[in-house]
Amino acid sequence: MIFSSWSTLARIAAVAVMAYLALVLLLRLSGKRTLSTMDPFDFVITTALGSTLAQTALSKDVALVEGLVTFATIIALQHLVSWLSIKQRFVRRMIKSRPALLFYKGEFQKSTMDREHVPDIEILAAVRESGVASLDEVEAVVLEADSGFSVIKRSKTEGDSALRDVDPLTVKRST
């Protein structure tokens, strides 16, 4: 079927606009962390919200209020799980992956690269994108939980390391 009726199209447009505006409002009210940089947990939330928006707009069987309640429930669950991840380490480990060390002090970390499915050319690209010309200037390259790369330049000072939470490296805290 290519076309059913003008009234169906009008209903879809009206419900889509209202559901979209309600979703934007709920996301704004819920704060910046609701849809921050996307790790797998955030991807699931985003996908669920998008699917709910589509179902609410397109399905005659889903009333607008039902879609709005679904939006609010998904966002509330996201906040609950985020809060629990702050309070409980095991929850945090379940939903957030740890950063992974791909390059450290002049050496590619092959076992980590294999486990994370990252070839050396992606690490080199990340180094170039950070404006560094030589690997000799790089202390470490980290694959972050959101799948982005962090390039840490060598430092001449000692101190608390930004690498202390990176898997598998455990950097001792300075005393």
Protein backbone atom coordinates (compact mmCIF):
# COMPACT_ATOMS: atom_id res chain seq x y z
CA MET A 1 0.00 0.00 0.00
CA ILE A 2 1.36 3.43 -0.94
CA PHE A 3 -1.30 5.68 0.53
CA SER A 4 -4.17 5.05 2.93
CA SER A 5 -5.76 8.44 3.64
CA TRP A 6 -5.07 12.07 4.40
CA SER A 7 -6.53 11.67 7.89
CA THR A 8 -4.04 8.88 8.65
CA LEU A 9 -1.16 11.08 7.53
CA ALA A 10 -2.48 13.99 9.59
CA ARG A 11 -2.79 11.76 12.68
CA ILE A 12 0.78 10.46 12.22
CA ALA A 13 2.14 13.99 11.77
CA ALA A 14 0.25 15.36 14.79
CA VAL A 15 1.18 12.50 17.10
CA ALA A 16 4.80 12.54 15.88
CA VAL A 17 5.13 16.26 16.58
CA MET A 18 3.56 15.97 20.04
CA ALA A 19 5.60 12.86 20.93
CA TYR A 20 8.79 14.45 19.64
CA LEU A 21 8.23 17.64 21.63
CA ALA A 22 7.40 15.65 24.74
CA LEU A 23 10.54 13.52 24.32
CA VAL A 24 12.73 16.60 23.88
CA LEU A 25 11.14 18.18 26.96
CA LEU A 26 11.62 15.02 29.04
CA LEU A 27 15.24 14.71 27.93
CA ARG A 28 15.90 18.36 28.77
CA LEU A 29 14.30 17.91 32.20
CA SER A 30 16.26 14.72 32.85
CA GLY A 31 19.65 16.42 32.46
CA LYS A 32 22.74 16.20 30.32
CA ARG A 33 23.78 12.72 31.41
CA THR A 34 20.70 11.05 29.93
CA LEU A 35 22.19 11.08 26.46
CA SER A 36 25.86 11.82 27.00
CA THR A 37 28.59 10.29 24.89
CA MET A 38 27.30 6.92 23.89
CA ASP A 39 28.56 3.72 25.39
CA PRO A 40 26.55 0.49 24.97
CA PHE A 41 24.24 1.37 27.89
CA ASP A 42 23.48 4.80 26.40
CA PHE A 43 22.98 3.23 22.96
CA VAL A 44 20.29 0.93 24.36
CA ILE A 45 18.50 3.88 25.97
CA THR A 46 18.67 5.91 22.77
CA THR A 47 17.42 3.00 20.68
CA ALA A 48 14.55 2.34 23.09
CA LEU A 49 13.51 6.00 23.02
CA GLY A 50 13.69 6.11 19.23
CA SER A 51 11.69 2.92 18.90
CA THR A 52 9.08 4.24 21.30
CA LEU A 53 8.84 7.49 19.35
CA ALA A 54 8.33 5.56 16.10
CA GLN A 55 5.72 3.23 17.60
CA THR A 56 3.84 6.11 19.19
CA ALA A 57 3.80 8.06 15.94
CA LEU A 58 2.97 5.22 13.55
CA SER A 59 0.84 2.75 15.47
CA LYS A 60 -2.86 3.39 15.90
CA ASP A 61 -2.73 0.89 18.75
CA VAL A 62 -0.39 3.07 20.86
CA ALA A 63 -2.03 6.15 22.35
CA LEU A 64 0.06 9.30 22.77
CA VAL A 65 -0.23 9.12 26.57
CA GLU A 66 1.01 5.52 26.52
CA GLY A 67 4.05 6.61 24.50
CA LEU A 68 4.71 9.46 26.93
CA VAL A 69 4.50 7.12 29.90
CA THR A 70 6.94 4.81 28.12
CA PHE A 71 9.36 7.73 27.52
CA ALA A 72 9.15 8.73 31.18
CA THR A 73 9.61 5.13 32.35
CA ILE A 74 12.70 4.55 30.15
CA ILE A 75 14.26 7.84 31.29
CA ALA A 76 13.46 7.06 34.94
CA LEU A 77 15.04 3.60 34.60
CA GLN A 78 18.11 5.19 33.01
CA HIS A 79 18.41 7.57 35.96
CA LEU A 80 17.93 4.74 38.46
CA VAL A 81 20.60 2.58 36.85
CA SER A 82 22.96 5.58 36.60
CA TRP A 83 22.39 6.38 40.28
CA LEU A 84 22.96 2.74 41.24
CA SER A 85 26.17 2.70 39.18
CA ILE A 86 27.46 5.62 41.24
CA LYS A 87 26.56 3.91 44.52
CA GLN A 88 27.37 0.28 43.66
CA ARG A 89 30.62 -0.74 41.96
CA PHE A 90 29.19 -4.04 40.65
CA VAL A 91 26.37 -2.17 38.86
CA ARG A 92 28.89 0.22 37.32
CA ARG A 93 30.95 -2.72 36.09
CA MET A 94 27.85 -4.35 34.61
CA ILE A 95 26.79 -1.36 32.53
CA LYS A 96 30.01 0.54 31.82
CA SER A 97 33.03 -0.96 30.17
CA ARG A 98 36.45 0.02 31.44
CA PRO A 99 38.85 1.99 29.29
CA ALA A 100 41.44 -0.20 27.57
CA LEU A 101 45.12 0.58 27.12
CA LEU A 102 46.10 0.14 23.47
CA PHE A 103 49.53 1.79 23.40
CA TYR A 104 51.81 2.45 26.37
CA LYS A 105 55.34 3.85 26.58
CA GLY A 106 56.29 3.08 23.00
CA GLU A 107 54.65 -0.33 22.73
CA PHE A 108 51.42 -1.44 21.12
CA GLN A 109 49.48 -3.61 23.56
CA LYS A 110 48.69 -6.41 21.09
CA SER A 111 46.60 -8.59 23.39
CA THR A 112 44.35 -5.65 24.30
CA MET A 113 44.19 -4.54 20.67
CA ASP A 114 43.11 -8.05 19.64
CA ARG A 115 40.51 -8.29 22.42
CA GLU A 116 39.08 -4.87 21.50
CA HIS A 117 39.35 -5.46 17.72
CA VAL A 118 41.45 -2.33 17.15
CA PRO A 119 44.13 -2.42 14.43
CA ASP A 120 47.28 -0.32 14.79
CA ILE A 121 46.19 1.96 11.92
CA GLU A 122 43.28 3.24 14.06
CA ILE A 123 45.68 4.03 16.89
CA LEU A 124 48.00 5.87 14.50
CA ALA A 125 45.02 7.81 13.14
CA ALA A 126 44.01 8.82 16.67
CA VAL A 127 47.54 10.04 17.37
CA ARG A 128 47.56 12.10 14.16
CA GLU A 129 44.10 13.52 14.91
CA SER A 130 45.38 14.69 18.28
CA GLY A 131 48.08 16.70 16.51
CA VAL A 132 51.01 14.52 17.55
CA ALA A 133 53.59 13.71 14.89
CA SER A 134 55.69 11.09 16.68
CA LEU A 135 54.83 8.10 18.85
CA ASP A 136 57.82 9.10 20.97
CA GLU A 137 55.68 12.00 22.24
CA VAL A 138 52.87 9.65 23.32
CA GLU A 139 52.66 8.15 26.80
CA ALA A 140 49.50 6.16 26.08
CA VAL A 141 46.52 5.67 23.78
CA VAL A 142 43.33 4.56 25.50
CA LEU A 143 40.13 3.16 24.01
CA GLU A 144 37.47 4.83 26.14
CA ALA A 145 34.15 3.32 27.24
CA ASP A 146 32.34 5.37 24.56
CA SER A 147 34.61 3.85 21.84
CA GLY A 148 36.59 7.07 21.39
CA PHE A 149 40.36 7.29 21.62
CA SER A 150 42.30 9.36 24.13
CA VAL A 151 45.91 10.20 23.33
CA ILE A 152 47.96 11.10 26.39
CA LYS A 153 51.20 12.94 25.73
CA ARG A 154 54.30 12.23 27.78
CA SER A 155 54.57 14.31 30.91
CA LYS A 156 57.70 15.52 32.63
CA THR A 157 55.97 15.77 36.00
CA GLU A 158 55.06 13.03 38.43
CA GLY A 159 51.62 12.93 39.94
CA ASP A 160 48.30 11.19 40.05
CA SER A 161 47.88 9.42 36.74
CA ALA A 162 44.86 9.81 34.48
CA LEU A 163 45.46 6.17 33.55
CA ARG A 164 44.63 4.70 36.98
CA ASP A 165 41.26 3.25 35.87
CA VAL A 166 42.51 1.85 32.57
CA ASP A 167 42.34 -1.89 32.03
CA PRO A 168 44.75 -3.77 32.31
CA LEU A 169 47.16 -1.17 33.57
CA THR A 170 47.19 -0.29 37.22
CA VAL A 171 49.11 2.91 37.73
CA LYS A 172 50.15 3.46 41.32
CA ARG A 173 48.93 6.68 42.86
CA SER A 174 51.69 9.01 43.92
CA THR A 175 52.07 9.57 47.64
